[in-house]
Protein backbone atom coordinates (compact mmCIF):
# COMPACT_ATOMS: atom_id res chain seq x y z
CA MET A 1 87.76 51.80 118.38
CA ASN A 2 88.29 54.44 115.66
CA TYR A 3 89.01 53.67 111.99
CA CYS A 4 90.01 55.74 108.92
CA ILE A 5 87.20 56.28 106.42
CA ASN A 6 89.83 56.51 103.64
CA CYS A 7 91.95 53.45 104.06
CA GLY A 8 89.99 51.52 106.63
CA GLU A 9 92.83 50.99 109.16
CA ARG A 10 91.58 50.57 112.68
CA GLY A 11 92.94 52.46 115.69
CA THR A 12 95.07 54.84 113.61
CA LEU A 13 93.36 58.18 114.21
CA GLN A 14 95.22 60.82 116.21
CA GLU A 15 94.03 64.27 117.18
CA LEU A 16 95.91 67.00 115.33
CA SER A 17 97.45 69.66 117.57
CA VAL A 18 96.47 73.28 117.01
CA PRO A 19 99.42 75.40 115.64
CA GLU A 20 100.60 77.94 118.22
CA SER A 21 100.11 80.84 115.76
CA GLU A 22 96.54 79.93 114.92
CA GLU A 23 93.19 79.60 116.60
CA GLN A 24 91.50 76.27 117.11
CA PRO A 25 90.05 74.59 114.05
CA PHE A 26 86.34 75.25 113.65
CA LEU A 27 83.54 74.27 111.38
CA GLN A 28 81.35 77.06 110.09
CA ARG A 29 77.79 75.94 109.92
CA GLY A 30 75.60 77.95 107.68
CA GLU A 31 71.98 78.52 108.60
CA PHE A 32 70.06 80.67 106.16
CA GLU A 33 67.54 82.99 107.77
CA PRO A 34 64.87 85.17 106.06
CA ASP A 35 67.20 88.16 106.35
CA ASN A 36 70.19 86.17 104.88
CA GLN A 37 72.11 86.21 108.15
CA TYR A 38 73.92 82.98 108.87
CA SER A 39 76.92 81.29 110.37
CA LEU A 40 77.73 79.87 113.78
CA GLU A 41 81.26 78.91 114.65
CA GLN A 42 81.46 75.42 116.06
CA PHE A 43 84.76 74.21 117.42
CA VAL A 44 85.60 70.75 116.30
CA THR A 45 88.43 68.19 116.69
CA ILE A 46 90.43 67.31 113.56
CA LEU A 47 91.77 63.76 113.41
CA GLN A 48 94.49 62.42 111.10
CA CYS A 49 95.09 58.81 110.09
CA GLN A 50 98.66 57.80 110.99
CA THR A 51 98.67 55.29 108.05
CA CYS A 52 97.48 57.34 105.06
CA GLN A 53 97.56 60.88 106.56
CA HIS A 54 93.91 61.43 105.67
CA GLU A 55 92.27 64.19 107.81
CA MET A 56 88.71 64.17 109.05
CA ILE A 57 86.39 65.73 111.60
CA ASP A 58 85.60 63.91 114.79
CA LEU A 59 81.87 63.65 114.63
CA SER A 60 81.62 63.23 118.36
CA SER A 61 83.02 66.66 118.87
C-alpha cells in the first residue's frame, strides 16, 4: 500500500498523467566524469497525493 510522505495518508497516491503538449516527466541524473560530461535522462513516474496534493517520484520506477 502506498502512502504520502508529506501528510502520511495511506492509499492516496495517484499517477499524474502526462500533459498532451509535453514529453514524459524525467529525472536528470548527473554523473560527473573526468571530462565534465554528465547527464542521463531517466523516465520516472510522478505521483500526487489526493489528500494534500503533494507530488513525489515513484521510487519503483
